[in-house]
Amino acid sequence: MKILIVEDELKVATFLKSGLEDYGLAAAVALDATSAQRLLAATEYTAVVLDVNLPEMSGLELCRVIRQRFPKLPVLMLTAMSSTDDKLLGFDAGADDYLVKPYEFNELLARLRALHRRYAVTTEENVLKVADLELNGQSKLVKRGDKRIDLTMRELALLEYFMHNQGRALSRLEIVDKVWDLSFDTGTNVVDVYVNYLRKKIDKDFTPKLIHTLNGIGYILEEREA
């Protein structure tokens, strides 16, 4: 694994780089968004560890740039900004995971490895289907009927998990564990927020409705007869 650390505090970045290298991971440091974009253009990285507060361009803005130019590159936000709104802004910008400072280094490593497993390159052209909804597992293209549907990376990960488990009841805790990785703040309504985002895109203007709420349990994705 080769990690790009984007952090404007040199001491923090150096500590993080040294820690990753102690565990056998290669790491490079960019102190600002310009340097980060230059390194990304020159080198293939396994993941980006990204701070939110950066000079010139914020980490949120840089994350959007990364998502446009490198759609399959995992981004982990590592920041002291800890509110639910901060986390939602990070995920909306395209982050794949969000870890709040201070943190346990072992958890950071585990999250990076989980992202690597999730985005490992596959040559399989698998297409998931439920009713007229399709998700191409390789290209990540989503269509409902003839209409292409654009999703954020987090919405895509949520939909992919739903479709791999179509017809099975999924609790909010399971969704957090599998889609957000490891221990996330389960006291927030982040799952409900993202299910609502997804419904607006894949269900609102279509029939049949595919995402259903199970009171006291969670959610299920399935085609139901009217």
Protein backbone atom coordinates (compact mmCIF):
# COMPACT_ATOMS: atom_id res chain seq x y z
CA MET A 1 0.00 0.00 0.00
CA LYS A 2 1.18 3.50 -0.82
CA ILE A 3 -0.52 6.34 1.05
CA LEU A 4 -0.57 10.06 0.26
CA ILE A 5 -0.88 12.19 3.42
CA VAL A 6 -2.27 15.68 2.82
CA GLU A 7 -1.68 17.64 6.02
CA ASP A 8 -0.44 21.21 6.39
CA GLU A 9 1.15 20.75 9.82
CA LEU A 10 4.59 19.32 9.11
CA LYS A 11 5.04 17.76 12.55
CA VAL A 12 1.70 15.96 12.32
CA ALA A 13 2.37 14.81 8.76
CA THR A 14 5.86 13.57 9.65
CA PHE A 15 4.52 11.61 12.63
CA LEU A 16 1.81 10.01 10.50
CA LYS A 17 4.26 9.15 7.70
CA SER A 18 6.70 7.58 10.16
CA GLY A 19 3.92 5.57 11.80
CA LEU A 20 2.67 4.17 8.49
CA GLU A 21 6.22 3.27 7.42
CA ASP A 22 6.79 1.47 10.73
CA TYR A 23 3.96 -0.85 9.68
CA GLY A 24 5.47 -1.47 6.26
CA LEU A 25 3.39 1.00 4.27
CA ALA A 26 4.92 3.48 1.86
CA ALA A 27 3.87 7.08 2.45
CA ALA A 28 4.37 10.52 0.93
CA VAL A 29 3.43 13.95 2.30
CA ALA A 30 1.83 16.97 0.66
CA LEU A 31 1.48 20.12 2.75
CA ASP A 32 -1.11 21.76 0.49
CA ALA A 33 -3.58 20.97 -2.28
CA THR A 34 -1.25 22.06 -5.08
CA SER A 35 1.48 19.68 -3.95
CA ALA A 36 -1.08 16.91 -3.47
CA GLN A 37 -2.40 17.26 -7.02
CA ARG A 38 1.14 17.24 -8.42
CA LEU A 39 1.99 14.02 -6.53
CA LEU A 40 -1.29 12.37 -7.54
CA ALA A 41 -0.59 13.12 -11.20
CA ALA A 42 2.89 11.59 -10.97
CA THR A 43 2.36 8.54 -8.74
CA GLU A 44 -0.30 5.87 -8.25
CA TYR A 45 -1.46 5.75 -4.63
CA THR A 46 -3.53 3.19 -2.74
CA ALA A 47 -5.35 5.82 -0.66
CA VAL A 48 -5.29 9.45 0.43
CA VAL A 49 -5.39 10.55 4.08
CA LEU A 50 -6.76 14.08 3.91
CA ASP A 51 -7.09 16.89 6.45
CA VAL A 52 -9.97 19.35 6.04
CA ASN A 53 -8.17 22.57 7.03
CA LEU A 54 -5.61 23.24 4.31
CA PRO A 55 -4.14 26.46 2.89
CA GLU A 56 -5.18 27.63 -0.59
CA MET A 57 -7.89 24.99 -1.04
CA SER A 58 -9.82 23.20 1.69
CA GLY A 59 -9.70 19.45 2.09
CA LEU A 60 -13.36 19.29 1.05
CA GLU A 61 -12.61 21.07 -2.21
CA LEU A 62 -9.56 18.90 -2.83
CA CYS A 63 -11.63 15.79 -2.15
CA ARG A 64 -14.07 16.83 -4.88
CA VAL A 65 -11.16 17.31 -7.29
CA ILE A 66 -9.75 13.88 -6.40
CA ARG A 67 -13.14 12.27 -6.85
CA GLN A 68 -13.48 13.78 -10.34
CA ARG A 69 -9.96 12.94 -11.51
CA PHE A 70 -9.39 9.68 -9.65
CA PRO A 71 -12.87 8.18 -9.07
CA LYS A 72 -11.56 4.86 -7.73
CA LEU A 73 -8.98 6.29 -5.32
CA PRO A 74 -10.11 5.90 -1.68
CA VAL A 75 -10.06 9.05 0.47
CA LEU A 76 -10.05 8.99 4.26
CA MET A 77 -10.73 12.31 5.99
CA LEU A 78 -8.59 12.67 9.13
CA THR A 79 -9.62 15.80 10.99
CA ALA A 80 -10.53 17.32 14.34
CA MET A 81 -13.90 18.46 12.94
CA SER A 82 -16.21 15.99 14.66
CA SER A 83 -19.86 17.06 14.35
CA THR A 84 -22.37 15.05 12.34
CA ASP A 85 -22.70 17.97 9.91
CA ASP A 86 -18.91 17.97 9.41
CA LYS A 87 -18.98 14.25 8.65
CA LEU A 88 -21.86 14.61 6.21
CA LEU A 89 -20.00 17.41 4.42
CA GLY A 90 -16.98 15.13 4.14
CA PHE A 91 -19.00 12.25 2.72
CA ASP A 92 -20.87 14.59 0.36
CA ALA A 93 -17.51 15.83 -0.94
CA GLY A 94 -16.65 12.24 -1.85
CA ALA A 95 -14.77 10.90 1.17
CA ASP A 96 -14.98 7.15 1.65
CA ASP A 97 -14.30 7.21 5.38
CA TYR A 98 -13.98 9.80 8.15
CA LEU A 99 -11.82 9.51 11.26
CA VAL A 100 -11.77 12.16 13.99
CA LYS A 101 -8.61 13.35 15.79
CA PRO A 102 -7.42 12.25 18.30
CA TYR A 103 -7.50 8.66 17.05
CA GLU A 104 -5.94 5.27 17.72
CA PHE A 105 -3.26 4.53 15.13
CA ASN A 106 -4.37 0.90 14.88
CA GLU A 107 -7.84 2.06 13.90
CA LEU A 108 -6.41 4.25 11.15
CA LEU A 109 -4.46 1.27 9.81
CA ALA A 110 -7.53 -0.96 9.95
CA ARG A 111 -9.63 1.59 8.08
CA LEU A 112 -6.98 2.01 5.37
CA ARG A 113 -6.79 -1.76 4.92
CA ALA A 114 -10.58 -1.98 4.73
CA LEU A 115 -10.65 0.71 2.03
CA HIS A 116 -7.92 -1.13 0.13
CA ARG A 117 -9.93 -4.37 0.21
CA ARG A 118 -13.07 -2.58 -0.93
CA TYR A 119 -11.40 -0.89 -3.89
CA ALA A 120 -9.08 -3.70 -4.93
CA VAL A 121 -9.05 -3.88 -8.69
CA THR A 122 -11.22 -6.59 -10.15
CA THR A 123 -11.54 -7.74 -13.75
CA GLU A 124 -14.97 -9.22 -13.21
CA GLU A 125 -17.74 -7.43 -15.11
CA ASN A 126 -20.49 -8.12 -12.57
CA VAL A 127 -23.85 -6.41 -12.96
CA LEU A 128 -26.29 -6.30 -10.05
CA LYS A 129 -29.99 -6.02 -10.90
CA VAL A 130 -33.19 -5.41 -8.97
CA ALA A 131 -36.27 -4.77 -11.14
CA ASP A 132 -35.08 -2.18 -13.70
CA LEU A 133 -32.26 -0.93 -11.46
CA GLU A 134 -28.75 -1.92 -12.56
CA LEU A 135 -25.33 -1.36 -11.02
CA ASN A 136 -22.18 -2.32 -12.90
CA GLY A 137 -19.71 -3.52 -10.29
CA GLN A 138 -16.67 -2.62 -12.38
CA SER A 139 -17.58 0.70 -13.99
CA LYS A 140 -19.87 1.69 -11.06
CA LEU A 141 -22.44 2.90 -13.59
CA VAL A 142 -25.98 3.00 -12.15
CA LYS A 143 -29.10 3.01 -14.32
CA ARG A 144 -32.82 2.79 -13.67
CA GLY A 145 -34.44 1.78 -16.92
CA ASP A 146 -32.75 3.90 -19.58
CA LYS A 147 -31.84 6.72 -17.20
CA ARG A 148 -28.34 7.04 -15.83
CA ILE A 149 -28.22 7.94 -12.13
CA ASP A 150 -25.27 9.85 -10.70
CA LEU A 151 -24.39 8.94 -7.11
CA THR A 152 -21.74 10.13 -4.69
CA MET A 153 -19.19 7.52 -3.61
CA ARG A 154 -20.96 7.04 -0.28
CA GLU A 155 -24.38 6.66 -1.94
CA LEU A 156 -22.83 4.19 -4.37
CA ALA A 157 -21.30 2.12 -1.57
CA LEU A 158 -24.66 2.07 0.23
CA LEU A 159 -26.56 1.03 -2.90
CA GLU A 160 -23.99 -1.66 -3.70
CA TYR A 161 -24.38 -3.13 -0.22
CA PHE A 162 -28.16 -3.06 -0.52
CA MET A 163 -28.02 -4.79 -3.91
CA HIS A 164 -25.61 -7.47 -2.73
CA ASN A 165 -28.11 -8.16 0.05
CA GLN A 166 -31.37 -7.65 -1.82
CA GLY A 167 -34.36 -9.18 -0.09
CA ARG A 168 -32.58 -9.28 3.27
CA ALA A 169 -33.45 -7.05 6.23
CA LEU A 170 -30.51 -4.82 7.13
CA SER A 171 -30.21 -3.10 10.49
CA ARG A 172 -28.75 0.38 10.78
CA LEU A 173 -25.90 -1.03 12.86
CA GLU A 174 -25.01 -3.54 10.13
CA ILE A 175 -25.11 -0.84 7.47
CA VAL A 176 -22.81 1.39 9.52
CA ASP A 177 -20.42 -1.49 10.10
CA LYS A 178 -20.28 -2.63 6.47
CA VAL A 179 -20.60 0.63 4.56
CA TRP A 180 -18.91 3.12 6.88
CA ASP A 181 -16.29 0.64 8.19
CA LEU A 182 -15.57 -0.24 11.81
CA SER A 183 -16.81 1.92 14.68
CA PHE A 184 -18.75 4.93 13.47
CA ASP A 185 -20.82 7.24 15.65
CA THR A 186 -23.96 5.10 15.82
CA GLY A 187 -25.74 7.78 17.83
CA THR A 188 -26.20 9.85 14.67
CA ASN A 189 -28.84 9.46 11.97
CA VAL A 190 -26.28 9.28 9.16
CA VAL A 191 -27.73 6.01 7.79
CA ASP A 192 -31.22 7.47 7.58
CA VAL A 193 -29.87 10.61 5.93
CA TYR A 194 -28.07 8.63 3.23
CA VAL A 195 -30.95 6.23 2.66
CA ASN A 196 -33.09 9.32 2.08
CA TYR A 197 -30.53 10.68 -0.40
CA LEU A 198 -30.56 7.35 -2.23
CA ARG A 199 -34.35 7.11 -2.31
CA LYS A 200 -34.61 10.53 -3.93
CA LYS A 201 -32.34 9.40 -6.74
CA ILE A 202 -33.41 5.81 -7.41
CA ASP A 203 -37.02 5.66 -6.15
CA LYS A 204 -38.70 9.07 -6.16
CA ASP A 205 -39.50 9.25 -9.89
CA PHE A 206 -39.76 5.51 -10.52
CA THR A 207 -42.00 2.53 -9.89
CA PRO A 208 -41.88 0.12 -8.24
CA LYS A 209 -40.28 1.57 -5.11
CA LEU A 210 -37.29 -0.56 -4.09
CA ILE A 211 -36.02 0.70 -0.71
CA HIS A 212 -38.44 -0.04 2.11
CA THR A 213 -38.34 0.84 5.81
CA LEU A 214 -38.74 -1.98 8.31
CA ASN A 215 -40.03 -0.45 11.54
CA GLY A 216 -37.83 -1.30 14.50
CA ILE A 217 -35.31 -3.09 12.26
CA GLY A 218 -33.85 -0.98 9.48
CA TYR A 219 -34.23 -1.24 5.71
CA ILE A 220 -34.66 -3.74 2.91
CA LEU A 221 -34.15 -3.42 -0.84
CA GLU A 222 -36.52 -5.56 -2.88
CA GLU A 223 -39.12 -5.40 -5.61
CA ARG A 224 -42.59 -5.70 -4.15
CA GLU A 225 -45.86 -6.27 -5.91
CA ALA A 226 -48.24 -3.32 -5.74
